[in-house]
Amino acid sequence: MTKTVALFHSVLGVREGINLAADHLRAAGHTVHVIDQYDGRVFDDYDEATEFVQTIGFPALMQRALEGVEAMADGFAAMGFSNGGGMATFVACNGPVERVILCSGALPVHRIGIEDWPARVPAQLHYAVDDPFKTEGSVQSVLDSVNAAGAVAEYIQYPGAGHLFTDPSLPAEYDAGSAETLWQHALRFLNA
């Protein structure tokens, strides 16, 4: 079954890893809308990217996320990497999203001003075991919220410490085997 997917980039912008993610999804027959919240700007450095995000502010980024999906038909899937996981969560909590995939980006709903996860919307979370950006308790908070909403939450962990481990343009983080496994799980989840 094909889906329409809103794909949200990491704090680094629409890099090769996001374009490859869109390619994976399209090759499986899905329609993909890459939501570029930076108007084409990309970064190689997390600190520089974080400074840029702070100049925009999270309320403005969340508004851009909503604007990016406003023309999409009800029942689309939201997928996000890192900071994009927070954007996918925000969109899911404010609109007709069917399912959510969060890659290295679990953000508890209370941190974005939302009380509850949307009813019956399943989620799949992916993280490297030693991801240096993983916040203690965040994954469990999201899993608990999804389950409390009457939906299934999957949590899949991968060896290593790569934050954006599916992006080959980040050789210090990339793990080909983990990336392949993530796509197997993500496509299974989308097709469920």
Protein backbone atom coordinates (compact mmCIF):
# COMPACT_ATOMS: atom_id res chain seq x y z
CA MET A 1 0.00 0.00 0.00
CA THR A 2 1.49 3.32 -1.03
CA LYS A 3 1.54 6.32 1.27
CA THR A 4 2.18 10.00 1.00
CA VAL A 5 5.07 10.94 3.28
CA ALA A 6 6.06 14.33 4.67
CA LEU A 7 9.82 14.10 5.20
CA PHE A 8 11.49 16.49 7.66
CA HIS A 9 15.24 17.15 7.64
CA SER A 10 17.65 17.28 10.56
CA VAL A 11 19.15 20.42 12.04
CA LEU A 12 21.72 20.23 9.21
CA GLY A 13 19.12 20.85 6.48
CA VAL A 14 18.29 18.93 3.31
CA ARG A 15 21.58 17.09 2.87
CA GLU A 16 22.38 13.98 0.84
CA GLY A 17 20.92 11.75 3.57
CA ILE A 18 17.48 13.36 3.27
CA ASN A 19 17.55 13.14 -0.51
CA LEU A 20 18.52 9.46 -0.25
CA ALA A 21 15.71 8.91 2.25
CA ALA A 22 13.26 10.40 -0.24
CA ASP A 23 14.73 8.14 -2.95
CA HIS A 24 14.25 5.02 -0.75
CA LEU A 25 10.64 5.92 -0.12
CA ARG A 26 9.91 6.75 -3.76
CA ALA A 27 11.55 3.52 -4.96
CA ALA A 28 9.10 1.67 -2.73
CA GLY A 29 6.21 3.45 -4.46
CA HIS A 30 5.50 6.18 -1.92
CA THR A 31 4.90 9.84 -2.73
CA VAL A 32 7.35 12.04 -0.82
CA HIS A 33 7.24 15.72 0.05
CA VAL A 34 10.56 16.94 1.46
CA ILE A 35 9.71 19.84 3.77
CA ASP A 36 12.65 22.24 3.52
CA GLN A 37 12.38 24.53 6.52
CA TYR A 38 15.64 26.31 5.70
CA ASP A 39 14.91 27.40 2.11
CA GLY A 40 17.84 25.42 0.73
CA ARG A 41 20.41 26.23 3.40
CA VAL A 42 22.52 23.28 4.62
CA PHE A 43 25.21 22.84 7.25
CA ASP A 44 28.16 20.56 7.91
CA ASP A 45 28.54 21.49 11.56
CA TYR A 46 25.97 20.81 14.31
CA ASP A 47 26.92 23.87 16.36
CA GLU A 48 26.63 26.22 13.40
CA ALA A 49 23.30 24.65 12.43
CA THR A 50 22.00 24.95 16.00
CA GLU A 51 22.92 28.65 16.06
CA PHE A 52 21.01 29.13 12.80
CA VAL A 53 17.96 27.35 14.25
CA GLN A 54 18.08 29.59 17.30
CA THR A 55 17.92 32.67 15.07
CA ILE A 56 14.71 31.31 13.53
CA GLY A 57 13.28 29.96 16.79
CA PHE A 58 11.35 26.75 17.36
CA PRO A 59 7.88 28.36 17.21
CA ALA A 60 8.67 29.65 13.71
CA LEU A 61 10.10 26.27 12.65
CA MET A 62 7.00 24.49 13.92
CA GLN A 63 4.83 26.93 11.98
CA ARG A 64 6.91 26.25 8.85
CA ALA A 65 6.36 22.52 9.42
CA LEU A 66 2.58 23.01 9.52
CA GLU A 67 2.67 25.24 6.44
CA GLY A 68 4.74 22.62 4.63
CA VAL A 69 2.01 20.00 4.97
CA GLU A 70 -1.14 22.12 4.75
CA ALA A 71 -1.84 21.12 1.13
CA MET A 72 -1.37 17.40 1.82
CA ALA A 73 -4.43 15.17 1.95
CA ASP A 74 -5.53 13.64 5.25
CA GLY A 75 -3.87 10.40 6.24
CA PHE A 76 -0.26 11.06 5.25
CA ALA A 77 2.73 9.70 7.14
CA ALA A 78 5.28 12.00 8.82
CA MET A 79 8.94 11.04 9.00
CA GLY A 80 11.73 13.09 10.51
CA PHE A 81 15.43 12.86 11.23
CA SER A 82 16.83 14.40 14.41
CA ASN A 83 15.27 17.86 14.76
CA GLY A 84 12.90 16.76 12.00
CA GLY A 85 11.58 14.12 14.39
CA GLY A 86 10.29 16.94 16.58
CA MET A 87 8.71 18.56 13.52
CA ALA A 88 7.07 15.26 12.49
CA THR A 89 5.74 14.89 16.04
CA PHE A 90 4.36 18.43 16.05
CA VAL A 91 2.65 17.94 12.70
CA ALA A 92 1.17 14.61 13.86
CA CYS A 93 -0.19 16.23 17.01
CA ASN A 94 -1.81 19.02 14.99
CA GLY A 95 -3.24 17.29 11.94
CA PRO A 96 -4.52 14.19 10.19
CA VAL A 97 -1.35 12.05 10.20
CA GLU A 98 -1.74 8.28 9.87
CA ARG A 99 1.66 7.19 11.25
CA VAL A 100 4.99 8.64 12.32
CA ILE A 101 8.63 7.55 11.92
CA LEU A 102 11.17 9.27 14.16
CA CYS A 103 14.83 8.75 13.29
CA SER A 104 17.20 9.90 16.03
CA GLY A 105 14.62 12.45 17.06
CA ALA A 106 12.28 11.54 19.92
CA LEU A 107 10.77 14.67 21.41
CA PRO A 108 8.31 14.31 24.31
CA VAL A 109 5.01 15.93 23.39
CA HIS A 110 4.93 18.14 26.49
CA ARG A 111 8.12 19.85 25.23
CA ILE A 112 6.20 21.21 22.24
CA GLY A 113 3.18 22.32 24.22
CA ILE A 114 1.03 19.27 23.47
CA GLU A 115 -0.68 17.24 26.19
CA ASP A 116 -1.33 13.96 24.39
CA TRP A 117 -0.13 11.97 21.41
CA PRO A 118 -2.86 11.79 18.74
CA ALA A 119 -5.29 8.90 19.26
CA ARG A 120 -4.42 5.64 17.52
CA VAL A 121 -1.45 7.03 15.54
CA PRO A 122 1.37 4.45 15.62
CA ALA A 123 5.01 5.48 15.78
CA GLN A 124 8.32 3.88 15.00
CA LEU A 125 11.51 5.19 16.65
CA HIS A 126 15.08 4.54 15.48
CA TYR A 127 18.26 5.35 17.41
CA ALA A 128 21.89 4.29 17.56
CA VAL A 129 22.54 2.88 21.03
CA ASP A 130 25.21 5.46 21.85
CA ASP A 131 23.77 8.44 19.98
CA PRO A 132 25.34 11.46 21.72
CA PHE A 133 22.22 13.59 21.10
CA LYS A 134 19.76 11.15 22.66
CA THR A 135 18.21 12.79 25.70
CA GLU A 136 17.67 10.62 28.76
CA GLY A 137 14.02 9.69 29.11
CA SER A 138 12.89 11.17 25.78
CA VAL A 139 12.46 7.85 23.98
CA GLN A 140 10.53 6.32 26.86
CA SER A 141 8.33 9.41 27.12
CA VAL A 142 7.37 9.16 23.44
CA LEU A 143 6.77 5.41 23.69
CA ASP A 144 4.56 5.93 26.74
CA SER A 145 2.60 8.72 25.00
CA VAL A 146 1.97 6.62 21.90
CA ASN A 147 0.85 3.61 23.96
CA ALA A 148 -1.40 5.81 26.14
CA ALA A 149 -3.09 7.02 22.94
CA GLY A 150 -4.04 3.45 22.07
CA ALA A 151 -1.42 2.98 19.37
CA VAL A 152 1.57 0.73 18.83
CA ALA A 153 5.06 2.16 19.38
CA GLU A 154 8.12 0.36 18.03
CA TYR A 155 11.62 1.18 19.22
CA ILE A 156 14.53 -0.12 17.16
CA GLN A 157 18.12 0.35 18.25
CA TYR A 158 21.29 0.10 16.20
CA PRO A 159 24.94 -0.43 17.15
CA GLY A 160 27.28 2.52 17.32
CA ALA A 161 27.07 6.23 18.06
CA GLY A 162 26.11 7.74 14.70
CA HIS A 163 23.37 10.32 15.09
CA LEU A 164 22.49 10.52 11.38
CA PHE A 165 23.73 7.01 10.61
CA THR A 166 21.78 6.75 7.32
CA ASP A 167 23.60 9.70 5.73
CA PRO A 168 26.70 8.60 3.74
CA SER A 169 27.82 12.23 3.44
CA LEU A 170 28.62 12.07 7.18
CA PRO A 171 31.31 9.34 7.20
CA ALA A 172 31.95 9.60 10.96
CA GLU A 173 28.29 8.72 11.60
CA TYR A 174 27.23 6.59 8.63
CA ASP A 175 26.68 2.86 9.07
CA ALA A 176 25.63 1.09 5.87
CA GLY A 177 24.33 -2.02 7.65
CA SER A 178 22.26 -0.03 10.13
CA ALA A 179 20.93 2.19 7.35
CA GLU A 180 19.79 -0.84 5.38
CA THR A 181 18.09 -2.30 8.45
CA LEU A 182 16.37 1.02 9.22
CA TRP A 183 14.90 1.12 5.71
CA GLN A 184 13.64 -2.45 5.98
CA HIS A 185 11.82 -1.59 9.20
CA ALA A 186 10.57 1.80 8.00
CA LEU A 187 9.13 0.41 4.77
CA ARG A 188 7.48 -2.48 6.63
CA PHE A 189 5.92 0.04 9.02
CA LEU A 190 4.70 2.27 6.19
CA ASN A 191 3.18 -0.69 4.37
CA ALA A 192 1.38 -2.06 7.44
